Amino acid sequence: MTTVQDAPPKKDPGKAAISERVKGERRLGLYLTLPSYVVMLLVTAYPLGYALVLSLYNFRLTDPDGRSFVGLSNYLVVLTDPVWWNDFLTTFVITVVTVAIELVLGFWFAFVMLRIV
């Protein structure tokens, strides 16, 4: 005689449990790369912050010690200058055109390489 048994319910695959060894390796990787992240942050953040602070002052090249705080007026001068806006437009157009050309050429080369292989 045969008996009919129901199949055990299927388990949801979901995420596999991460072992303690894998967690330890990930933690070690973080500890080993953390100093390089801190150095990269300092190397980029400090010059950017210093440039922002310097942009709030008026400097004369003939008198480097005689700087005066002008606040945001340097930005006001730049943003109201028609020469700056013309240069900005030129830079924007060059950027858009070159990126478009590079994108088309990149896809074309990828297509050619796909056909060759």
N, C-alpha and C. Protein backbone atom coordinates (compact mmCIF):
# COMPACT_ATOMS: atom_id res chain seq x y z
N MET A 1 0.82 -1.17 0.00
CA MET A 1 0.00 0.00 0.00
C MET A 1 0.87 1.23 0.00
N THR A 2 0.32 2.23 -0.56
CA THR A 2 1.06 3.50 -0.60
C THR A 2 0.33 4.54 0.21
N THR A 3 1.11 5.37 0.79
CA THR A 3 0.52 6.49 1.53
C THR A 3 0.93 7.78 0.85
N VAL A 4 0.04 8.68 0.85
CA VAL A 4 0.29 9.98 0.23
C VAL A 4 0.74 10.94 1.31
N GLN A 5 1.87 11.57 1.04
CA GLN A 5 2.37 12.58 1.96
C GLN A 5 2.43 13.91 1.24
N ASP A 6 2.12 14.93 1.99
CA ASP A 6 2.26 16.27 1.41
C ASP A 6 3.74 16.65 1.40
N ALA A 7 4.12 17.36 0.34
CA ALA A 7 5.51 17.83 0.26
C ALA A 7 5.72 18.92 1.31
N PRO A 8 6.91 18.96 1.88
CA PRO A 8 7.16 20.01 2.88
C PRO A 8 7.06 21.38 2.22
N PRO A 9 6.60 22.37 2.96
CA PRO A 9 6.47 23.70 2.35
C PRO A 9 7.84 24.22 1.90
N LYS A 10 7.83 24.87 0.74
CA LYS A 10 9.07 25.41 0.20
C LYS A 10 9.48 26.64 1.00
N LYS A 11 10.77 26.71 1.25
CA LYS A 11 11.28 27.86 1.97
C LYS A 11 11.53 29.00 0.99
N ASP A 12 11.28 30.19 1.45
CA ASP A 12 11.56 31.38 0.65
C ASP A 12 13.08 31.56 0.60
N PRO A 13 13.65 31.61 -0.63
CA PRO A 13 15.11 31.71 -0.71
C PRO A 13 15.63 32.97 -0.03
N GLY A 14 14.98 34.10 -0.23
CA GLY A 14 15.36 35.35 0.43
C GLY A 14 16.86 35.56 0.47
N LYS A 15 17.31 36.23 1.50
CA LYS A 15 18.73 36.47 1.66
C LYS A 15 19.33 35.36 2.51
N ALA A 16 20.48 34.89 2.08
CA ALA A 16 21.17 33.87 2.84
C ALA A 16 21.79 34.51 4.08
N ALA A 17 21.83 33.76 5.14
CA ALA A 17 22.41 34.28 6.38
C ALA A 17 23.91 34.47 6.18
N ILE A 18 24.43 35.56 6.71
CA ILE A 18 25.85 35.86 6.59
C ILE A 18 26.56 35.29 7.81
N SER A 19 27.60 34.53 7.55
CA SER A 19 28.32 33.89 8.65
C SER A 19 29.16 34.93 9.39
N GLU A 20 29.57 34.56 10.58
CA GLU A 20 30.41 35.45 11.39
C GLU A 20 31.76 35.69 10.73
N ARG A 21 32.26 34.70 10.01
CA ARG A 21 33.54 34.87 9.33
C ARG A 21 33.44 35.93 8.25
N VAL A 22 32.37 35.88 7.47
CA VAL A 22 32.18 36.87 6.41
C VAL A 22 32.00 38.26 7.02
N LYS A 23 31.25 38.34 8.11
CA LYS A 23 31.09 39.63 8.79
C LYS A 23 32.43 40.17 9.27
N GLY A 24 33.25 39.28 9.82
CA GLY A 24 34.57 39.69 10.29
C GLY A 24 35.46 40.16 9.16
N GLU A 25 35.40 39.46 8.01
CA GLU A 25 36.20 39.87 6.86
C GLU A 25 35.74 41.23 6.34
N ARG A 26 34.45 41.46 6.31
CA ARG A 26 33.94 42.76 5.87
C ARG A 26 34.38 43.87 6.82
N ARG A 27 34.31 43.58 8.11
CA ARG A 27 34.73 44.57 9.11
C ARG A 27 36.22 44.87 8.96
N LEU A 28 37.03 43.83 8.74
CA LEU A 28 38.46 44.01 8.55
C LEU A 28 38.73 44.85 7.30
N GLY A 29 37.99 44.58 6.23
CA GLY A 29 38.14 45.38 5.01
C GLY A 29 37.83 46.84 5.25
N LEU A 30 36.79 47.09 6.04
CA LEU A 30 36.44 48.47 6.37
C LEU A 30 37.54 49.12 7.19
N TYR A 31 38.07 48.40 8.17
CA TYR A 31 39.14 48.96 9.01
C TYR A 31 40.40 49.25 8.20
N LEU A 32 40.69 48.41 7.22
CA LEU A 32 41.90 48.60 6.42
C LEU A 32 41.76 49.73 5.41
N THR A 33 40.54 49.98 4.92
CA THR A 33 40.35 51.03 3.93
C THR A 33 39.96 52.37 4.55
N LEU A 34 39.56 52.37 5.80
CA LEU A 34 39.12 53.60 6.45
C LEU A 34 40.18 54.70 6.45
N PRO A 35 41.45 54.41 6.73
CA PRO A 35 42.45 55.49 6.67
C PRO A 35 42.56 56.14 5.30
N SER A 36 42.46 55.35 4.24
CA SER A 36 42.55 55.95 2.90
C SER A 36 41.33 56.81 2.62
N TYR A 37 40.16 56.42 3.11
CA TYR A 37 38.97 57.26 2.94
C TYR A 37 39.13 58.58 3.68
N VAL A 38 39.68 58.54 4.87
CA VAL A 38 39.89 59.76 5.65
C VAL A 38 40.88 60.67 4.94
N VAL A 39 41.97 60.11 4.43
CA VAL A 39 42.97 60.92 3.72
C VAL A 39 42.36 61.53 2.47
N MET A 40 41.59 60.75 1.70
CA MET A 40 40.96 61.30 0.49
C MET A 40 39.98 62.41 0.84
N LEU A 41 39.24 62.24 1.92
CA LEU A 41 38.31 63.28 2.34
C LEU A 41 39.05 64.55 2.72
N LEU A 42 40.13 64.42 3.48
CA LEU A 42 40.90 65.60 3.88
C LEU A 42 41.56 66.27 2.68
N VAL A 43 42.08 65.47 1.76
CA VAL A 43 42.77 66.03 0.60
C VAL A 43 41.80 66.79 -0.29
N THR A 44 40.54 66.41 -0.32
CA THR A 44 39.56 67.12 -1.15
C THR A 44 38.79 68.17 -0.38
N ALA A 45 38.40 67.88 0.85
CA ALA A 45 37.55 68.81 1.61
C ALA A 45 38.31 70.04 2.08
N TYR A 46 39.55 69.88 2.54
CA TYR A 46 40.29 71.03 3.05
C TYR A 46 40.53 72.09 1.97
N PRO A 47 41.05 71.73 0.78
CA PRO A 47 41.23 72.76 -0.24
C PRO A 47 39.93 73.42 -0.69
N LEU A 48 38.85 72.63 -0.78
CA LEU A 48 37.57 73.22 -1.17
C LEU A 48 37.08 74.20 -0.11
N GLY A 49 37.18 73.83 1.14
CA GLY A 49 36.76 74.72 2.22
C GLY A 49 37.62 75.97 2.28
N TYR A 50 38.93 75.80 2.10
CA TYR A 50 39.84 76.95 2.13
C TYR A 50 39.56 77.89 0.96
N ALA A 51 39.29 77.34 -0.22
CA ALA A 51 38.96 78.17 -1.38
C ALA A 51 37.66 78.93 -1.15
N LEU A 52 36.69 78.30 -0.50
CA LEU A 52 35.44 78.98 -0.19
C LEU A 52 35.67 80.14 0.77
N VAL A 53 36.50 79.92 1.79
CA VAL A 53 36.81 81.00 2.73
C VAL A 53 37.55 82.13 2.03
N LEU A 54 38.52 81.80 1.20
CA LEU A 54 39.28 82.83 0.49
C LEU A 54 38.41 83.62 -0.48
N SER A 55 37.37 82.99 -1.00
CA SER A 55 36.50 83.69 -1.96
C SER A 55 35.69 84.79 -1.29
N LEU A 56 35.63 84.80 0.02
CA LEU A 56 34.89 85.82 0.75
C LEU A 56 35.74 87.04 1.07
N TYR A 57 36.99 87.05 0.63
CA TYR A 57 37.91 88.16 0.90
C TYR A 57 38.33 88.82 -0.39
N ASN A 58 38.74 90.09 -0.29
CA ASN A 58 39.27 90.83 -1.42
C ASN A 58 40.79 90.88 -1.25
N PHE A 59 41.51 90.37 -2.24
CA PHE A 59 42.97 90.35 -2.19
C PHE A 59 43.53 91.28 -3.24
N ARG A 60 44.64 91.89 -2.92
CA ARG A 60 45.42 92.64 -3.90
C ARG A 60 46.75 91.91 -4.03
N LEU A 61 47.15 91.61 -5.25
CA LEU A 61 48.39 90.87 -5.46
C LEU A 61 49.61 91.66 -5.02
N THR A 62 49.51 92.99 -5.05
CA THR A 62 50.64 93.82 -4.62
C THR A 62 50.76 93.88 -3.11
N ASP A 63 49.68 93.56 -2.39
CA ASP A 63 49.69 93.60 -0.93
C ASP A 63 49.00 92.34 -0.40
N PRO A 64 49.72 91.22 -0.35
CA PRO A 64 49.07 89.96 0.04
C PRO A 64 48.56 89.95 1.47
N ASP A 65 49.16 90.75 2.36
CA ASP A 65 48.71 90.75 3.75
C ASP A 65 47.50 91.64 3.97
N GLY A 66 47.24 92.54 3.05
CA GLY A 66 46.12 93.47 3.22
C GLY A 66 44.85 92.97 2.58
N ARG A 67 44.26 91.97 3.17
CA ARG A 67 43.00 91.46 2.63
C ARG A 67 41.85 92.01 3.45
N SER A 68 40.73 92.20 2.78
CA SER A 68 39.55 92.72 3.48
C SER A 68 38.36 91.81 3.20
N PHE A 69 37.54 91.63 4.22
CA PHE A 69 36.37 90.76 4.09
C PHE A 69 35.30 91.49 3.29
N VAL A 70 34.83 90.86 2.22
CA VAL A 70 33.80 91.46 1.38
C VAL A 70 32.54 90.61 1.32
N GLY A 71 32.54 89.45 1.93
CA GLY A 71 31.35 88.60 1.94
C GLY A 71 31.05 88.04 0.56
N LEU A 72 29.79 88.13 0.19
CA LEU A 72 29.35 87.55 -1.09
C LEU A 72 29.44 88.52 -2.26
N SER A 73 30.04 89.69 -2.06
CA SER A 73 30.09 90.67 -3.15
C SER A 73 30.95 90.18 -4.31
N ASN A 74 31.95 89.34 -4.05
CA ASN A 74 32.73 88.76 -5.15
C ASN A 74 31.83 87.93 -6.06
N TYR A 75 30.93 87.17 -5.47
CA TYR A 75 30.00 86.36 -6.26
C TYR A 75 29.02 87.25 -7.02
N LEU A 76 28.59 88.33 -6.40
CA LEU A 76 27.68 89.27 -7.07
C LEU A 76 28.35 89.89 -8.29
N VAL A 77 29.63 90.24 -8.16
CA VAL A 77 30.37 90.82 -9.28
C VAL A 77 30.46 89.82 -10.42
N VAL A 78 30.77 88.58 -10.10
CA VAL A 78 30.92 87.56 -11.14
C VAL A 78 29.58 87.27 -11.81
N LEU A 79 28.53 87.12 -11.02
CA LEU A 79 27.23 86.74 -11.60
C LEU A 79 26.56 87.86 -12.37
N THR A 80 27.00 89.09 -12.20
CA THR A 80 26.43 90.20 -12.98
C THR A 80 27.33 90.61 -14.13
N ASP A 81 28.43 89.91 -14.35
CA ASP A 81 29.37 90.25 -15.42
C ASP A 81 28.96 89.54 -16.70
N PRO A 82 28.68 90.28 -17.78
CA PRO A 82 28.26 89.63 -19.03
C PRO A 82 29.38 88.79 -19.66
N VAL A 83 30.62 89.16 -19.43
CA VAL A 83 31.73 88.36 -19.97
C VAL A 83 31.73 86.97 -19.35
N TRP A 84 31.47 86.89 -18.04
CA TRP A 84 31.43 85.59 -17.36
C TRP A 84 30.31 84.73 -17.92
N TRP A 85 29.14 85.32 -18.15
CA TRP A 85 28.02 84.54 -18.69
C TRP A 85 28.30 84.07 -20.10
N ASN A 86 28.99 84.89 -20.90
CA ASN A 86 29.37 84.47 -22.24
C ASN A 86 30.34 83.30 -22.18
N ASP A 87 31.31 83.38 -21.30
CA ASP A 87 32.26 82.28 -21.14
C ASP A 87 31.57 81.03 -20.61
N PHE A 88 30.62 81.21 -19.70
CA PHE A 88 29.87 80.08 -19.17
C PHE A 88 29.08 79.39 -20.28
N LEU A 89 28.44 80.17 -21.13
CA LEU A 89 27.67 79.61 -22.24
C LEU A 89 28.59 78.86 -23.21
N THR A 90 29.74 79.44 -23.51
CA THR A 90 30.70 78.78 -24.39
C THR A 90 31.16 77.45 -23.81
N THR A 91 31.48 77.45 -22.53
CA THR A 91 31.91 76.22 -21.86
C THR A 91 30.80 75.18 -21.87
N PHE A 92 29.57 75.61 -21.62
CA PHE A 92 28.43 74.69 -21.61
C PHE A 92 28.22 74.07 -22.99
N VAL A 93 28.29 74.87 -24.04
CA VAL A 93 28.10 74.36 -25.40
C VAL A 93 29.20 73.37 -25.76
N ILE A 94 30.44 73.72 -25.44
CA ILE A 94 31.55 72.81 -25.73
C ILE A 94 31.37 71.49 -24.99
N THR A 95 30.95 71.56 -23.74
CA THR A 95 30.74 70.35 -22.95
C THR A 95 29.65 69.47 -23.55
N VAL A 96 28.52 70.07 -23.88
CA VAL A 96 27.40 69.30 -24.43
C VAL A 96 27.78 68.67 -25.77
N VAL A 97 28.44 69.42 -26.63
CA VAL A 97 28.81 68.90 -27.95
C VAL A 97 29.82 67.77 -27.82
N THR A 98 30.85 67.97 -27.01
CA THR A 98 31.87 66.91 -26.89
C THR A 98 31.32 65.66 -26.23
N VAL A 99 30.47 65.81 -25.23
CA VAL A 99 29.88 64.62 -24.59
C VAL A 99 28.98 63.89 -25.58
N ALA A 100 28.22 64.61 -26.39
CA ALA A 100 27.36 63.97 -27.38
C ALA A 100 28.20 63.21 -28.41
N ILE A 101 29.28 63.83 -28.88
CA ILE A 101 30.15 63.16 -29.86
C ILE A 101 30.78 61.91 -29.24
N GLU A 102 31.28 62.04 -28.01
CA GLU A 102 31.91 60.90 -27.35
C GLU A 102 30.90 59.78 -27.11
N LEU A 103 29.68 60.13 -26.79
CA LEU A 103 28.65 59.12 -26.56
C LEU A 103 28.34 58.36 -27.85
N VAL A 104 28.17 59.09 -28.94
CA VAL A 104 27.87 58.45 -30.22
C VAL A 104 29.04 57.57 -30.66
N LEU A 105 30.26 58.10 -30.57
CA LEU A 105 31.42 57.31 -30.97
C LEU A 105 31.60 56.09 -30.07
N GLY A 106 31.37 56.25 -28.79
CA GLY A 106 31.50 55.12 -27.87
C GLY A 106 30.52 54.01 -28.18
N PHE A 107 29.27 54.38 -28.43
CA PHE A 107 28.28 53.35 -28.80
C PHE A 107 28.62 52.72 -30.14
N TRP A 108 29.11 53.52 -31.08
CA TRP A 108 29.46 52.98 -32.39
C TRP A 108 30.61 51.98 -32.26
N PHE A 109 31.66 52.35 -31.51
CA PHE A 109 32.78 51.42 -31.30
C PHE A 109 32.32 50.15 -30.59
N ALA A 110 31.46 50.29 -29.61
CA ALA A 110 30.95 49.11 -28.90
C ALA A 110 30.16 48.21 -29.85
N PHE A 111 29.37 48.82 -30.72
CA PHE A 111 28.60 48.04 -31.69
C PHE A 111 29.53 47.32 -32.66
N VAL A 112 30.57 48.01 -33.14
CA VAL A 112 31.53 47.39 -34.06
C VAL A 112 32.25 46.25 -33.37
N MET A 113 32.68 46.45 -32.13
CA MET A 113 33.38 45.39 -31.41
C MET A 113 32.46 44.20 -31.14
N LEU A 114 31.19 44.46 -30.90
CA LEU A 114 30.24 43.37 -30.69
C LEU A 114 30.10 42.54 -31.97
N ARG A 115 30.09 43.19 -33.11
CA ARG A 115 29.95 42.49 -34.39
C ARG A 115 31.21 41.71 -34.73
N ILE A 116 32.37 42.22 -34.34
CA ILE A 116 33.64 41.54 -34.64
C ILE A 116 33.77 40.29 -33.80
N VAL A 117 33.41 40.38 -32.55
CA VAL A 117 33.56 39.24 -31.64
C VAL A 117 32.41 38.33 -31.85
